[in-house]
Amino acid sequence: MNFLSDTTAPAHPVLIEAIARANEGFAPSYGADPLSAQVTQRLRDIFETDLAVVLTVSGTAANALALSVLCPCDAQVLCHDEAHIHRDERGAPEFFTGGAKLLPLQGEHGKIDLQALDSALAQWPADFVHAPPPAVLSLSQLNEAGCAYSLDELHVLTSRARERGLFVHMDGARFASALVSLGCTPAEMSWKAGVDALCLGATKTGALGAEAVILFPSVMDRLPALQARLKRSGHMAPKARFMAAQMDAWLKGDLWLTLARQANAAAARLAERLARADGAELAHPADGNEVFVRLTPALSQRLRDAGAQFYAWPDGSARFVTSWCTTSEEIDAVLKAARG
């Protein structure tokens, strides 16, 4: 009963098979292969717009590289206090941008509050030479509390950012999970909602290791800089076709959405049943494949004794993450242990 993270889950067999097929014969290196071109076209079709793409093996690399071409070294990125780029990337965004500042903002359930954003924009004017001006608003979708911004919430925040001339970056490590939760299109939850650059993660939803940095038309002119930094940072894979093979198979036939729905459904069942258990209380709405629940010490120990593995979150809650391969039997075993 492993609910530690969706990164602990195995890769989906279809993606492993795609890697094996990509291993046949020779192909151009460094992303000049036909599969990489096919992924770009597939993403253009899915997102209903022109776009530019580079692939990396980790979400940290994707986020840091994207921010490095959006934020000057003497400016700052506004993000939620719980954002992955702030709490879990060991200063990679600051490193890749050459020293840009991250300014953490508050908001319930991992969502940036509009008043907090307005306050930050007022306190950090663009024309004050002594302070780094805000240059980017970064939003996580799903966010670190397992919640999804609604389309209306996205539009409100991105509109405010645009009024001040900020770019908008989206950390989409669990983009697929948020997408199926909202029931909207990829375009509606990205560039149509004001997002300039999206880090689309496949690793948490079935890939062995594949993340796409997508530049939408508003920032496609940053592609040469992005490619240069990809190379200089050591993230330009010589045999990029193996990352492209994963991404292509993941997107083909909407497999990415199918896997996200499976993970979300498992989380919804787990959340609904755990909420009924004595000694358990949901800490956040379960909008995707993450369930945050406050457990009494006795219940927490009972679950662990039964073999459930979950992460103790810094706020005192327990985080359960389901994956594309979480089984009904695993959910049932947790619920049986919760009942005592």
Protein backbone atom coordinates (compact mmCIF):
# COMPACT_ATOMS: atom_id res chain seq x y z
CA MET A 1 0.00 0.00 0.00
CA ASN A 2 2.39 2.64 -1.26
CA PHE A 3 0.86 6.12 -1.16
CA LEU A 4 4.15 8.00 -0.69
CA SER A 5 4.17 9.61 -4.14
CA ASP A 6 3.15 9.01 -7.75
CA THR A 7 6.87 9.12 -8.57
CA THR A 8 7.28 5.81 -6.72
CA ALA A 9 4.87 4.12 -9.15
CA PRO A 10 6.16 2.07 -12.10
CA ALA A 11 6.17 3.42 -15.61
CA HIS A 12 3.23 2.37 -17.76
CA PRO A 13 3.96 -0.64 -20.02
CA VAL A 14 2.88 1.24 -23.15
CA LEU A 15 5.64 3.80 -22.54
CA ILE A 16 8.24 1.10 -21.89
CA GLU A 17 7.24 -0.53 -25.17
CA ALA A 18 7.60 2.83 -26.93
CA ILE A 19 11.14 3.18 -25.59
CA ALA A 20 11.97 -0.30 -26.90
CA ARG A 21 10.67 0.63 -30.36
CA ALA A 22 12.70 3.84 -30.31
CA ASN A 23 15.78 1.71 -29.63
CA GLU A 24 15.65 0.13 -33.07
CA GLY A 25 18.29 1.51 -35.42
CA PHE A 26 19.82 4.97 -35.54
CA ALA A 27 18.28 8.44 -35.16
CA PRO A 28 19.57 12.03 -35.11
CA SER A 29 20.67 13.21 -31.67
CA TYR A 30 19.90 16.14 -29.34
CA GLY A 31 16.21 16.37 -30.22
CA ALA A 32 16.58 16.46 -34.00
CA ASP A 33 14.92 13.05 -34.35
CA PRO A 34 11.51 12.40 -35.98
CA LEU A 35 9.90 11.38 -32.67
CA SER A 36 10.73 14.74 -31.08
CA ALA A 37 9.20 16.53 -34.06
CA GLN A 38 6.14 14.31 -33.76
CA VAL A 39 5.74 15.22 -30.08
CA THR A 40 5.85 18.92 -30.93
CA GLN A 41 3.14 18.50 -33.55
CA ARG A 42 1.05 16.35 -31.25
CA LEU A 43 1.23 19.02 -28.53
CA ARG A 44 0.27 21.71 -31.06
CA ASP A 45 -2.82 19.71 -31.92
CA ILE A 46 -3.71 19.05 -28.28
CA PHE A 47 -3.23 22.66 -27.19
CA GLU A 48 -4.81 24.07 -30.37
CA THR A 49 -2.00 26.56 -31.02
CA ASP A 50 1.52 26.97 -32.26
CA LEU A 51 4.13 26.30 -29.59
CA ALA A 52 7.75 25.37 -28.99
CA VAL A 53 8.91 22.43 -26.86
CA VAL A 54 12.02 21.10 -25.16
CA LEU A 55 12.10 17.91 -23.09
CA THR A 56 13.82 17.26 -19.76
CA VAL A 57 13.91 14.33 -17.35
CA SER A 58 12.74 16.16 -14.20
CA GLY A 59 10.19 18.71 -13.15
CA THR A 60 12.83 20.69 -11.29
CA ALA A 61 14.87 21.08 -14.46
CA ALA A 62 11.75 22.01 -16.43
CA ASN A 63 10.65 24.67 -13.95
CA ALA A 64 14.12 26.16 -13.51
CA LEU A 65 14.81 26.31 -17.24
CA ALA A 66 11.42 27.85 -18.04
CA LEU A 67 11.82 30.50 -15.35
CA SER A 68 15.36 31.26 -16.51
CA VAL A 69 14.08 32.57 -19.85
CA LEU A 70 11.14 34.46 -18.32
CA CYS A 71 12.76 36.18 -15.34
CA PRO A 72 15.88 38.41 -15.44
CA CYS A 73 18.50 37.82 -12.79
CA ASP A 74 17.65 41.12 -11.04
CA ALA A 75 13.89 40.54 -10.87
CA GLN A 76 11.62 38.20 -8.93
CA VAL A 77 9.12 35.37 -9.32
CA LEU A 78 5.89 35.49 -7.31
CA CYS A 79 4.70 32.06 -6.15
CA HIS A 80 2.74 30.45 -3.34
CA ASP A 81 4.63 29.84 -0.11
CA GLU A 82 4.07 26.09 -0.56
CA ALA A 83 5.12 26.06 -4.23
CA HIS A 84 7.47 23.31 -5.31
CA ILE A 85 9.85 25.87 -6.82
CA HIS A 86 10.09 27.51 -3.38
CA ARG A 87 10.07 24.54 -1.01
CA ASP A 88 11.39 21.55 -2.91
CA GLU A 89 13.88 22.49 -5.62
CA ARG A 90 16.95 23.41 -3.54
CA GLY A 91 17.17 26.90 -5.05
CA ALA A 92 17.26 25.64 -8.65
CA PRO A 93 15.17 28.55 -10.00
CA GLU A 94 17.50 31.07 -8.36
CA PHE A 95 20.50 29.16 -9.66
CA PHE A 96 19.25 28.87 -13.25
CA THR A 97 18.05 32.49 -13.41
CA GLY A 98 21.38 33.72 -12.10
CA GLY A 99 20.01 35.03 -8.83
CA ALA A 100 16.39 36.08 -9.36
CA LYS A 101 14.40 36.28 -6.12
CA LEU A 102 11.39 34.10 -5.26
CA LEU A 103 8.69 35.95 -3.33
CA PRO A 104 6.32 33.52 -1.55
CA LEU A 105 2.67 34.56 -1.21
CA GLN A 106 -0.12 33.25 1.02
CA GLY A 107 -3.49 31.73 0.29
CA GLU A 108 -5.66 28.91 1.60
CA HIS A 109 -5.41 25.39 0.20
CA GLY A 110 -2.21 26.16 -1.68
CA LYS A 111 -3.83 28.80 -3.89
CA ILE A 112 -2.43 32.31 -4.19
CA ASP A 113 -4.91 34.78 -2.75
CA LEU A 114 -5.72 37.73 -5.02
CA GLN A 115 -5.28 40.19 -2.16
CA ALA A 116 -1.85 38.72 -1.44
CA LEU A 117 -0.91 39.16 -5.09
CA ASP A 118 -2.21 42.74 -5.15
CA SER A 119 -0.30 43.52 -1.96
CA ALA A 120 2.94 42.14 -3.38
CA LEU A 121 2.54 44.08 -6.62
CA ALA A 122 1.91 47.27 -4.63
CA GLN A 123 4.90 46.72 -2.35
CA TRP A 124 7.32 45.92 -5.15
CA PRO A 125 6.88 48.59 -7.84
CA ALA A 126 8.59 48.07 -11.17
CA ASP A 127 10.24 51.51 -11.13
CA PHE A 128 11.91 51.30 -7.69
CA VAL A 129 15.62 50.89 -8.39
CA HIS A 130 16.47 49.54 -4.95
CA ALA A 131 14.27 46.42 -5.14
CA PRO A 132 13.85 43.56 -7.65
CA PRO A 133 10.68 44.10 -9.67
CA PRO A 134 8.19 41.24 -10.11
CA ALA A 135 8.66 39.65 -13.54
CA VAL A 136 6.84 36.30 -13.35
CA LEU A 137 3.81 34.85 -11.60
CA SER A 138 4.20 31.09 -11.07
CA LEU A 139 1.11 28.93 -10.50
CA SER A 140 1.03 25.20 -9.71
CA GLN A 141 -1.78 23.13 -11.22
CA LEU A 142 -2.45 20.83 -9.28
CA ASN A 143 -0.91 22.76 -6.43
CA GLU A 144 0.99 21.49 -3.40
CA ALA A 145 -2.22 21.03 -1.40
CA GLY A 146 -3.68 18.78 -4.07
CA CYS A 147 -6.10 21.49 -5.21
CA ALA A 148 -6.85 22.85 -8.66
CA TYR A 149 -7.36 26.49 -9.56
CA SER A 150 -10.68 26.90 -11.36
CA LEU A 151 -10.58 28.57 -14.76
CA ASP A 152 -12.10 31.70 -13.23
CA GLU A 153 -9.43 31.76 -10.54
CA LEU A 154 -6.70 31.38 -13.14
CA HIS A 155 -8.09 34.22 -15.26
CA VAL A 156 -8.32 36.59 -12.29
CA LEU A 157 -4.72 35.98 -11.22
CA THR A 158 -3.19 36.01 -14.70
CA SER A 159 -5.12 39.15 -15.67
CA ARG A 160 -3.69 40.94 -12.67
CA ALA A 161 -0.21 39.74 -13.60
CA ARG A 162 -0.59 40.96 -17.17
CA GLU A 163 -1.72 44.39 -15.98
CA ARG A 164 1.73 44.72 -14.43
CA GLY A 165 3.56 43.21 -17.40
CA LEU A 166 4.40 39.91 -15.70
CA PHE A 167 4.80 36.62 -17.52
CA VAL A 168 2.89 33.60 -16.19
CA HIS A 169 4.57 30.25 -15.61
CA MET A 170 2.61 27.12 -14.76
CA ASP A 171 4.15 24.20 -12.90
CA GLY A 172 2.13 21.37 -14.42
CA ALA A 173 3.80 18.38 -12.81
CA ARG A 174 0.24 17.08 -12.26
CA PHE A 175 -1.37 19.06 -15.08
CA ALA A 176 -3.23 15.98 -16.37
CA SER A 177 -4.78 15.35 -12.97
CA ALA A 178 -6.03 18.95 -12.73
CA LEU A 179 -7.26 18.87 -16.31
CA VAL A 180 -9.53 15.86 -15.89
CA SER A 181 -10.71 17.21 -12.55
CA LEU A 182 -11.89 20.47 -14.13
CA GLY A 183 -13.20 18.81 -17.27
CA CYS A 184 -11.84 21.52 -19.55
CA THR A 185 -9.47 21.49 -22.53
CA PRO A 186 -5.68 21.80 -22.31
CA ALA A 187 -5.92 25.13 -24.13
CA GLU A 188 -8.50 26.48 -21.68
CA MET A 189 -6.30 25.64 -18.71
CA SER A 190 -3.12 27.07 -20.22
CA TRP A 191 -2.61 29.75 -22.85
CA LYS A 192 -6.28 30.71 -23.04
CA ALA A 193 -6.12 31.30 -19.28
CA GLY A 194 -3.13 33.60 -19.66
CA VAL A 195 -0.25 31.13 -19.23
CA ASP A 196 2.92 31.90 -21.21
CA ALA A 197 5.02 28.86 -20.35
CA LEU A 198 3.87 25.45 -19.12
CA CYS A 199 5.97 22.68 -17.61
CA LEU A 200 3.93 19.62 -18.55
CA GLY A 201 4.83 16.61 -16.42
CA ALA A 202 4.43 13.02 -17.56
CA THR A 203 6.63 11.39 -14.92
CA LYS A 204 3.98 11.45 -12.19
CA THR A 205 1.38 10.00 -14.55
CA GLY A 206 3.04 6.97 -16.07
CA ALA A 207 6.34 8.01 -17.63
CA LEU A 208 9.77 6.72 -16.71
CA GLY A 209 11.09 10.28 -16.89
CA ALA A 210 9.76 12.89 -19.30
CA GLU A 211 8.78 16.52 -18.82
CA ALA A 212 7.97 19.09 -21.50
CA VAL A 213 8.76 22.79 -21.27
CA ILE A 214 6.15 24.37 -23.54
CA LEU A 215 6.48 27.95 -24.74
CA PHE A 216 3.23 29.36 -26.07
CA PRO A 217 3.19 32.02 -28.87
CA SER A 218 3.61 34.94 -26.45
CA VAL A 219 7.11 33.72 -25.52
CA MET A 220 8.14 31.47 -28.40
CA ASP A 221 10.89 33.93 -29.24
CA ARG A 222 12.63 32.67 -26.07
CA LEU A 223 13.23 29.23 -27.64
CA PRO A 224 16.88 29.88 -28.69
CA ALA A 225 17.69 31.02 -25.15
CA LEU A 226 15.90 28.02 -23.71
CA GLN A 227 17.78 25.62 -25.97
CA ALA A 228 21.09 27.26 -25.08
CA ARG A 229 20.42 26.92 -21.35
CA LEU A 230 19.22 23.37 -21.83
CA LYS A 231 22.61 22.57 -23.33
CA ARG A 232 24.72 24.63 -20.93
CA SER A 233 23.04 23.09 -17.88
CA GLY A 234 23.65 19.55 -19.09
CA HIS A 235 19.97 18.80 -19.70
CA MET A 236 20.11 18.45 -23.49
CA ALA A 237 19.92 14.68 -23.80
CA PRO A 238 22.08 13.20 -26.60
CA LYS A 239 19.50 10.44 -27.20
CA ALA A 240 16.44 12.60 -26.74
CA ARG A 241 14.36 10.21 -28.80
CA PHE A 242 13.86 8.07 -25.70
CA MET A 243 12.22 10.95 -23.82
CA ALA A 244 10.22 11.79 -26.94
CA ALA A 245 9.09 8.17 -27.25
CA GLN A 246 7.62 8.31 -23.76
CA MET A 247 5.91 11.65 -24.29
CA ASP A 248 4.51 10.59 -27.65
CA ALA A 249 3.09 7.32 -26.31
CA TRP A 250 1.73 9.11 -23.23
CA LEU A 251 -0.18 11.64 -25.32
CA LYS A 252 -1.30 9.24 -28.07
CA GLY A 253 -4.94 8.24 -27.85
CA ASP A 254 -5.35 10.38 -24.71
CA LEU A 255 -3.56 7.78 -22.58
CA TRP A 256 -2.34 10.63 -20.34
CA LEU A 257 -5.92 11.58 -19.51
CA THR A 258 -6.99 7.98 -18.97
CA LEU A 259 -4.18 7.41 -16.48
CA ALA A 260 -4.96 10.69 -14.69
CA ARG A 261 -8.62 9.71 -14.38
CA GLN A 262 -7.63 6.38 -12.85
CA ALA A 263 -5.43 8.07 -10.26
CA ASN A 264 -8.05 10.72 -9.51
CA ALA A 265 -10.80 8.13 -9.09
CA ALA A 266 -8.69 6.19 -6.59
CA ALA A 267 -7.97 9.38 -4.62
CA ALA A 268 -11.64 10.40 -4.61
CA ARG A 269 -12.66 7.03 -3.18
CA LEU A 270 -9.90 7.15 -0.60
CA ALA A 271 -10.78 10.70 0.46
CA GLU A 272 -14.50 10.03 0.67
CA ARG A 273 -14.06 6.95 2.84
CA LEU A 274 -11.26 8.31 5.05
CA ALA A 275 -13.34 11.39 5.81
CA ARG A 276 -15.87 9.10 7.49
CA ALA A 277 -13.31 7.36 9.71
CA ASP A 278 -13.05 8.22 13.39
CA GLY A 279 -9.88 10.22 13.96
CA ALA A 280 -9.59 11.51 10.41
CA GLU A 281 -10.41 14.89 8.85
CA LEU A 282 -9.65 16.11 5.34
CA ALA A 283 -7.26 19.07 5.36
CA HIS A 284 -7.93 20.17 1.75
CA PRO A 285 -10.38 19.39 -1.03
CA ALA A 286 -9.13 16.39 -3.02
CA ASP A 287 -9.27 17.81 -6.53
CA GLY A 288 -6.82 15.36 -8.07
CA ASN A 289 -4.73 12.39 -7.00
CA GLU A 290 -3.55 13.72 -3.63
CA VAL A 291 -5.41 13.36 -0.34
CA PHE A 292 -4.34 15.38 2.69
CA VAL A 293 -5.92 14.21 5.91
CA ARG A 294 -5.37 14.98 9.57
CA LEU A 295 -5.06 11.75 11.54
CA THR A 296 -5.00 11.11 15.24
CA PRO A 297 -1.72 9.47 16.35
CA ALA A 298 -3.59 6.22 17.05
CA LEU A 299 -5.16 6.07 13.58
CA SER A 300 -1.90 7.03 11.90
CA GLN A 301 -0.08 4.20 13.65
CA ARG A 302 -2.86 1.72 12.89
CA LEU A 303 -2.59 2.52 9.19
CA ARG A 304 1.18 2.18 9.21
CA ASP A 305 0.98 -1.09 11.11
CA ALA A 306 -1.36 -2.37 8.39
CA GLY A 307 1.30 -1.58 5.79
CA ALA A 308 0.11 1.78 4.49
CA GLN A 309 2.94 4.07 3.43
CA PHE A 310 2.22 7.80 3.34
CA TYR A 311 4.09 11.03 3.85
CA ALA A 312 3.93 13.11 7.04
CA TRP A 313 3.37 16.63 5.66
CA PRO A 314 5.02 19.62 7.40
CA ASP A 315 1.64 21.06 8.44
CA GLY A 316 0.90 17.96 10.49
CA SER A 317 -1.40 16.27 7.99
CA ALA A 318 -0.76 12.99 6.20
CA ARG A 319 -0.42 12.98 2.41
CA PHE A 320 -1.70 10.02 0.43
CA VAL A 321 -0.89 10.05 -3.29
CA THR A 322 -2.58 7.64 -5.68
CA SER A 323 -1.19 6.69 -9.07
CA TRP A 324 -2.37 5.26 -12.37
CA CYS A 325 -1.87 1.75 -10.96
CA THR A 326 -3.37 2.13 -7.48
CA THR A 327 -5.69 -0.83 -7.02
CA SER A 328 -9.10 -1.15 -5.40
CA GLU A 329 -7.57 -3.77 -3.10
CA GLU A 330 -5.06 -1.21 -1.78
CA ILE A 331 -7.81 1.31 -1.11
CA ASP A 332 -9.94 -1.34 0.59
CA ALA A 333 -7.02 -2.40 2.82
CA VAL A 334 -6.48 1.18 3.98
CA LEU A 335 -10.15 1.66 4.71
CA LYS A 336 -10.33 -1.64 6.58
CA ALA A 337 -7.38 -0.55 8.76
CA ALA A 338 -9.02 2.84 9.33
CA ARG A 339 -12.16 1.16 10.63
CA GLY A 340 -10.04 -0.79 13.12
